[in-house]
Amino acid sequence: MSSQELILVLETSSRLGSVALALGREILAQITFTAPMRHSAEIFDAITELMHRFDRKPAKINNIYISIGPGSFTGLRIAVTIAKAMHLANRLRIVTVDTLDVIAENAPSQGPTRPVQKIATILDAKRNQFYIAAYQRPNNTTSEIPSWQKIIPDSLMTAREFLDQFADPTNPIALLGDGLLYHKEKFQSPGTRILHEKYWSPQAAKVHALGRQLALAKKFADPLKLIPTYIRRPEAEEKWRQR
């Protein structure tokens, strides 16, 4: 894989989206949208600004990395649609990265009073449920991405179900993710530690870091089969099926 490959990176799975442009392993720049849920309004302007800033043409993009979910149904569809359209136009390769893994990469190795060894990433799935995955710090930690070993796969559960299974006062689990924004109190217990809000939102730069490792391993997505990771159906579809 060339160190000069031009990579477009999209993170639209959560409240505050972002776009990045990278050259190989180097992030050239990232643009974070100006407000929550501005994905459709700002994503194309952000891409255009990055291409102009670095004097690049869309036809020269080699790969596109996207956050594939779980997360916002609308946001995920935006990224998948753009990735498919760009593949059809220029045959670029697509890399998909799990959103909860992206959030996990925000977690610091050291908390205010103790090292962070175990974490859970949390996104709001609505209807009193949450997308949650759990991770631990590998014993042979290096500076390479990923920094965390996934011990519980992406799951759909309530806050109470999570606390019953994972909250341990003798070894508290650190929590992060935008799902805490309006529901932090539901996850507060002697067995949890809630990390600072600055760690909660997934970032395009982290999508790039994880996506590059997949690209180096030649783990590219099949554009014809590419769909977001929803875990469950969108609410509108569930209601239609119940009629």
Protein backbone atom coordinates (compact mmCIF):
# COMPACT_ATOMS: atom_id res chain seq x y z
CA MET A 1 0.00 0.00 0.00
CA SER A 2 1.43 3.36 -1.02
CA SER A 3 2.20 5.92 1.68
CA GLN A 4 0.86 8.53 -0.73
CA GLU A 5 -2.66 7.14 -1.05
CA LEU A 6 -5.29 9.83 -0.68
CA ILE A 7 -8.01 8.84 1.78
CA LEU A 8 -11.34 10.46 2.54
CA VAL A 9 -12.72 9.68 6.01
CA LEU A 10 -16.35 10.10 7.11
CA GLU A 11 -17.74 9.88 10.64
CA THR A 12 -21.51 10.39 10.62
CA SER A 13 -22.70 7.76 13.09
CA SER A 14 -23.18 9.98 16.13
CA ARG A 15 -24.49 13.42 17.06
CA LEU A 16 -21.49 15.47 15.96
CA GLY A 17 -20.13 14.41 12.60
CA SER A 18 -16.69 15.01 11.09
CA VAL A 19 -14.75 14.56 7.85
CA ALA A 20 -11.00 14.11 7.41
CA LEU A 21 -8.54 13.93 4.56
CA ALA A 22 -5.44 11.78 4.90
CA LEU A 23 -2.37 10.95 2.89
CA GLY A 24 -1.39 7.43 3.82
CA ARG A 25 -0.93 7.31 7.56
CA GLU A 26 -0.91 11.11 7.93
CA ILE A 27 -4.08 13.05 8.67
CA LEU A 28 -3.93 16.26 6.65
CA ALA A 29 -6.92 17.87 8.38
CA GLN A 30 -10.23 17.16 10.04
CA ILE A 31 -13.38 19.28 9.93
CA THR A 32 -15.95 18.78 12.67
CA PHE A 33 -19.49 19.92 11.90
CA THR A 34 -20.60 23.13 13.58
CA ALA A 35 -23.48 21.62 15.57
CA PRO A 36 -25.10 18.27 16.34
CA MET A 37 -27.07 16.49 13.62
CA ARG A 38 -25.75 18.68 10.80
CA HIS A 39 -24.49 15.73 8.74
CA SER A 40 -26.57 16.19 5.59
CA ALA A 41 -26.28 20.00 5.72
CA GLU A 42 -22.49 20.20 6.09
CA ILE A 43 -20.84 17.03 4.83
CA PHE A 44 -20.46 18.01 1.17
CA ASP A 45 -19.21 21.50 2.01
CA ALA A 46 -16.68 19.97 4.41
CA ILE A 47 -15.42 17.53 1.77
CA THR A 48 -15.18 20.33 -0.79
CA GLU A 49 -13.28 22.58 1.62
CA LEU A 50 -10.73 19.87 2.38
CA MET A 51 -10.17 19.09 -1.29
CA HIS A 52 -9.67 22.78 -2.09
CA ARG A 53 -7.45 23.40 0.92
CA PHE A 54 -4.99 20.72 -0.20
CA ASP A 55 -5.50 21.21 -3.94
CA ARG A 56 -6.82 17.70 -4.52
CA LYS A 57 -9.39 16.35 -6.94
CA PRO A 58 -12.08 13.80 -5.98
CA ALA A 59 -10.92 11.55 -8.83
CA LYS A 60 -7.55 11.22 -7.06
CA ILE A 61 -9.02 9.71 -3.89
CA ASN A 62 -7.86 6.09 -3.54
CA ASN A 63 -9.80 4.92 -0.49
CA ILE A 64 -12.75 6.03 1.60
CA TYR A 65 -13.03 5.00 5.25
CA ILE A 66 -16.41 5.25 6.96
CA SER A 67 -17.85 4.59 10.38
CA ILE A 68 -20.40 1.83 9.69
CA GLY A 69 -22.40 1.77 12.93
CA PRO A 70 -24.21 1.14 15.10
CA GLY A 71 -25.49 4.67 15.48
CA SER A 72 -27.74 7.24 13.84
CA PHE A 73 -29.72 5.54 11.08
CA THR A 74 -29.77 8.70 8.94
CA GLY A 75 -26.11 9.48 9.52
CA LEU A 76 -25.00 5.94 8.65
CA ARG A 77 -27.02 5.96 5.45
CA ILE A 78 -25.39 9.23 4.39
CA ALA A 79 -21.88 7.79 4.71
CA VAL A 80 -22.77 4.51 2.98
CA THR A 81 -24.48 6.33 0.10
CA ILE A 82 -21.48 8.61 -0.44
CA ALA A 83 -19.05 5.67 -0.29
CA LYS A 84 -21.05 3.68 -2.85
CA ALA A 85 -21.41 6.66 -5.19
CA MET A 86 -17.68 7.40 -5.08
CA HIS A 87 -16.85 3.75 -5.71
CA LEU A 88 -19.12 3.72 -8.76
CA ALA A 89 -17.57 6.94 -10.04
CA ASN A 90 -13.89 6.22 -9.41
CA ARG A 91 -13.63 2.56 -8.33
CA LEU A 92 -12.08 3.60 -5.03
CA ARG A 93 -11.91 1.05 -2.22
CA ILE A 94 -14.10 1.22 0.88
CA VAL A 95 -13.09 0.42 4.45
CA THR A 96 -15.73 0.21 7.19
CA VAL A 97 -14.97 0.67 10.88
CA ASP A 98 -17.17 -0.24 13.86
CA THR A 99 -18.43 2.95 15.54
CA LEU A 100 -18.12 1.64 19.09
CA ASP A 101 -14.50 0.70 18.36
CA VAL A 102 -13.91 4.25 17.13
CA ILE A 103 -15.24 5.69 20.40
CA ALA A 104 -13.07 3.26 22.39
CA GLU A 105 -9.96 4.74 20.80
CA ASN A 106 -10.78 8.05 22.52
CA ALA A 107 -10.33 6.53 25.99
CA PRO A 108 -7.23 7.66 27.89
CA SER A 109 -4.84 5.15 29.39
CA GLN A 110 -4.83 7.03 32.69
CA GLY A 111 -7.83 8.35 34.61
CA PRO A 112 -7.78 11.11 37.24
CA THR A 113 -6.79 8.73 40.03
CA ARG A 114 -5.98 5.35 38.46
CA PRO A 115 -5.15 3.65 35.14
CA VAL A 116 -8.05 2.91 32.80
CA GLN A 117 -8.05 -0.85 32.22
CA LYS A 118 -11.64 -1.65 31.28
CA ILE A 119 -14.14 0.48 29.34
CA ALA A 120 -17.57 0.37 27.74
CA THR A 121 -18.71 2.55 24.85
CA ILE A 122 -22.34 3.64 24.84
CA LEU A 123 -24.64 5.09 22.18
CA ASP A 124 -28.32 5.89 22.54
CA ALA A 125 -30.49 3.38 20.64
CA LYS A 126 -33.73 5.12 21.74
CA ARG A 127 -36.71 3.48 23.45
CA ASN A 128 -34.69 3.12 26.68
CA GLN A 129 -32.04 0.94 25.03
CA PHE A 130 -28.36 1.48 24.23
CA TYR A 131 -25.72 0.14 21.84
CA ILE A 132 -22.89 -1.01 24.10
CA ALA A 133 -19.55 -2.81 23.68
CA ALA A 134 -16.90 -3.54 26.34
CA TYR A 135 -13.12 -3.56 26.07
CA GLN A 136 -10.02 -4.16 28.15
CA ARG A 137 -6.48 -2.90 27.86
CA PRO A 138 -4.23 -5.69 26.51
CA ASN A 139 -1.40 -6.77 28.79
CA ASN A 140 1.14 -6.24 26.01
CA THR A 141 -0.01 -2.70 25.25
CA THR A 142 1.88 -0.95 22.45
CA SER A 143 1.35 2.35 20.70
CA GLU A 144 -0.26 0.58 17.73
CA ILE A 145 -3.94 0.88 16.91
CA PRO A 146 -6.23 -0.59 18.14
CA SER A 147 -5.46 0.22 21.76
CA TRP A 148 -8.25 -1.94 23.19
CA GLN A 149 -9.21 -5.61 23.09
CA LYS A 150 -12.93 -6.14 22.59
CA ILE A 151 -14.35 -8.50 25.21
CA ILE A 152 -18.09 -7.96 24.65
CA PRO A 153 -19.35 -7.48 21.05
CA ASP A 154 -21.76 -4.74 20.03
CA SER A 155 -24.96 -5.39 21.97
CA LEU A 156 -28.38 -3.84 22.49
CA MET A 157 -29.36 -3.56 26.16
CA THR A 158 -30.88 -1.33 28.81
CA ALA A 159 -28.82 0.56 31.34
CA ARG A 160 -30.06 -1.78 34.07
CA GLU A 161 -29.02 -4.86 32.10
CA PHE A 162 -25.58 -3.36 31.61
CA LEU A 163 -25.13 -2.50 35.28
CA ASP A 164 -26.29 -5.93 36.39
CA GLN A 165 -23.70 -7.60 34.16
CA PHE A 166 -20.71 -5.26 34.25
CA ALA A 167 -20.77 -2.87 37.21
CA ASP A 168 -18.19 -4.14 39.73
CA PRO A 169 -17.29 -1.86 42.69
CA THR A 170 -14.01 -3.74 43.16
CA ASN A 171 -12.98 -3.08 39.56
CA PRO A 172 -15.09 -0.22 38.12
CA ILE A 173 -15.58 0.00 34.36
CA ALA A 174 -15.01 3.38 32.69
CA LEU A 175 -17.79 4.65 30.42
CA LEU A 176 -17.75 6.93 27.39
CA GLY A 177 -19.95 7.68 24.40
CA ASP A 178 -22.69 10.08 23.35
CA GLY A 179 -25.32 7.78 24.83
CA LEU A 180 -24.38 9.27 28.19
CA LEU A 181 -25.37 12.79 27.16
CA TYR A 182 -28.97 12.58 28.36
CA HIS A 183 -28.73 9.34 30.31
CA LYS A 184 -25.60 9.63 32.43
CA GLU A 185 -27.52 9.20 35.67
CA LYS A 186 -28.81 5.79 34.54
CA PHE A 187 -25.23 4.48 34.38
CA GLN A 188 -23.92 5.98 37.60
CA SER A 189 -23.08 3.36 40.22
CA PRO A 190 -20.19 2.34 42.52
CA GLY A 191 -19.13 -0.06 39.76
CA THR A 192 -18.76 2.54 36.99
CA ARG A 193 -16.62 5.59 36.27
CA ILE A 194 -17.88 8.07 33.69
CA LEU A 195 -15.06 9.61 31.67
CA HIS A 196 -15.00 13.29 30.75
CA GLU A 197 -17.36 14.39 27.99
CA LYS A 198 -14.43 15.30 25.72
CA TYR A 199 -13.90 11.56 25.11
CA TRP A 200 -17.47 10.73 24.13
CA SER A 201 -17.83 11.57 20.42
CA PRO A 202 -16.34 9.44 17.64
CA GLN A 203 -13.91 11.33 15.41
CA ALA A 204 -12.95 10.91 11.76
CA ALA A 205 -9.28 10.86 12.78
CA LYS A 206 -9.91 7.70 14.83
CA VAL A 207 -11.84 6.15 11.94
CA HIS A 208 -8.71 6.73 9.87
CA ALA A 209 -6.41 5.16 12.46
CA LEU A 210 -8.48 1.98 12.69
CA GLY A 211 -9.37 1.94 9.01
CA ARG A 212 -5.77 2.09 7.91
CA GLN A 213 -4.98 -1.09 9.81
CA LEU A 214 -7.84 -2.82 7.98
CA ALA A 215 -6.68 -1.43 4.65
CA LEU A 216 -3.13 -2.66 5.28
CA ALA A 217 -4.63 -6.10 5.88
CA LYS A 218 -6.61 -5.69 2.63
CA LYS A 219 -9.93 -5.94 4.47
CA PHE A 220 -12.00 -3.87 2.09
CA ALA A 221 -15.80 -3.82 2.03
CA ASP A 222 -17.80 -5.23 -0.88
CA PRO A 223 -19.60 -2.17 -2.32
CA LEU A 224 -22.47 -4.33 -3.63
CA LYS A 225 -23.21 -5.71 -0.16
CA LEU A 226 -22.44 -2.59 1.84
CA ILE A 227 -25.11 -1.69 4.40
CA PRO A 228 -24.87 0.05 7.78
CA THR A 229 -24.60 -1.96 10.98
CA TYR A 230 -27.94 -1.21 12.58
CA ILE A 231 -28.16 -4.08 15.14
CA ARG A 232 -31.92 -3.53 14.99
CA ARG A 233 -34.33 -2.13 12.41
CA PRO A 234 -35.07 1.60 12.24
CA GLU A 235 -38.07 2.59 14.36
CA ALA A 236 -40.22 3.46 11.33
CA GLU A 237 -39.62 0.01 9.84
CA GLU A 238 -40.44 -1.75 13.12
CA LYS A 239 -43.70 0.16 13.42
CA TRP A 240 -44.62 -0.73 9.83
CA ARG A 241 -43.98 -4.42 10.48
CA GLN A 242 -46.22 -4.30 13.54
CA ARG A 243 -49.21 -2.95 11.61
